[in-house]
Amino acid sequence: MAKTFKIKKGDQVMVIAGDDKGTVGEVLQVLTKKDAVIVAGCKTAKKAVKPSEQNKEGGFSNIEMPIHISNVKKVEG
């Protein structure tokens, strides 16, 4: 049976635990297998990017990492 959550993609949520506590952002993706969500602007990590045809120079990029769904709450409005 598939898991269901009250938080959906596009909802506004507030981070209630961790380094980004108090930050409000939009849910970009819900990861049901990991019980996690990806919130815009929260828990960013620097990842190395190899040079490719789109990005000739490579370098580093900041990407959002998953946050456990119990550490966010839905914000009304």
Protein backbone atom coordinates (compact mmCIF):
# COMPACT_ATOMS: atom_id res chain seq x y z
CA MET A 1 0.00 0.00 0.00
CA ALA A 2 1.29 3.46 -0.90
CA LYS A 3 2.18 5.94 1.83
CA THR A 4 0.21 9.16 2.00
CA PHE A 5 1.30 12.42 3.59
CA LYS A 6 -0.56 15.62 4.40
CA ILE A 7 2.23 17.63 2.79
CA LYS A 8 2.17 17.85 -1.01
CA LYS A 9 4.41 19.38 -3.67
CA GLY A 10 3.93 23.16 -3.80
CA ASP A 11 2.83 23.57 -0.14
CA GLN A 12 4.43 26.19 2.09
CA VAL A 13 6.16 24.54 5.07
CA MET A 14 8.21 25.67 8.06
CA VAL A 15 11.26 23.72 9.23
CA ILE A 16 10.79 22.96 12.94
CA ALA A 17 14.06 21.12 13.68
CA GLY A 18 17.66 21.18 12.54
CA ASP A 19 20.04 23.86 11.26
CA ASP A 20 17.35 25.61 9.18
CA LYS A 21 14.84 25.80 12.05
CA GLY A 22 12.27 28.55 11.48
CA THR A 23 12.84 28.77 7.72
CA VAL A 24 9.72 28.88 5.55
CA GLY A 25 9.88 27.51 2.00
CA GLU A 26 8.02 25.70 -0.75
CA VAL A 27 8.09 21.92 -1.10
CA LEU A 28 9.84 21.03 -4.36
CA GLN A 29 9.53 17.25 -4.08
CA VAL A 30 8.09 14.61 -1.74
CA LEU A 31 10.17 11.42 -1.38
CA THR A 32 7.73 8.79 -0.10
CA LYS A 33 10.27 5.94 0.08
CA LYS A 34 12.57 7.96 2.36
CA ASP A 35 9.74 9.76 4.27
CA ALA A 36 11.40 13.04 3.30
CA VAL A 37 10.73 16.31 1.49
CA ILE A 38 12.96 18.73 -0.41
CA VAL A 39 12.30 22.35 0.57
CA ALA A 40 13.51 25.28 -1.54
CA GLY A 41 16.40 27.12 0.09
CA CYS A 42 16.77 24.74 3.05
CA LYS A 43 19.58 22.30 3.86
CA THR A 44 21.74 23.20 0.88
CA ALA A 45 24.90 21.24 0.16
CA LYS A 46 27.79 22.00 -2.14
CA LYS A 47 28.27 19.29 -4.78
CA ALA A 48 31.13 18.98 -7.24
CA VAL A 49 30.01 19.08 -10.89
CA LYS A 50 32.10 17.54 -13.64
CA PRO A 51 32.53 19.47 -16.88
CA SER A 52 29.91 18.55 -19.50
CA GLU A 53 28.49 19.93 -22.72
CA GLN A 54 25.99 22.13 -20.84
CA ASN A 55 28.53 23.23 -18.19
CA LYS A 56 31.94 23.50 -19.86
CA GLU A 57 33.86 24.53 -16.75
CA GLY A 58 32.33 22.32 -14.07
CA GLY A 59 32.93 23.49 -10.50
CA PHE A 60 30.52 23.46 -7.57
CA SER A 61 26.75 23.83 -7.33
CA ASN A 62 24.45 24.24 -4.32
CA ILE A 63 21.60 21.74 -4.20
CA GLU A 64 18.83 21.13 -1.67
CA MET A 65 19.04 17.92 0.34
CA PRO A 66 16.06 15.96 1.76
CA ILE A 67 14.61 16.79 5.18
CA HIS A 68 12.65 14.15 7.13
CA ILE A 69 8.93 14.85 6.93
CA SER A 70 8.60 14.92 10.73
CA ASN A 71 10.88 17.98 10.83
CA VAL A 72 8.54 20.20 8.79
CA LYS A 73 5.03 21.50 9.39
CA LYS A 74 2.55 22.92 6.93
CA VAL A 75 2.01 26.68 7.06
CA GLU A 76 -1.50 27.93 6.35
CA GLY A 77 -1.91 30.71 3.84
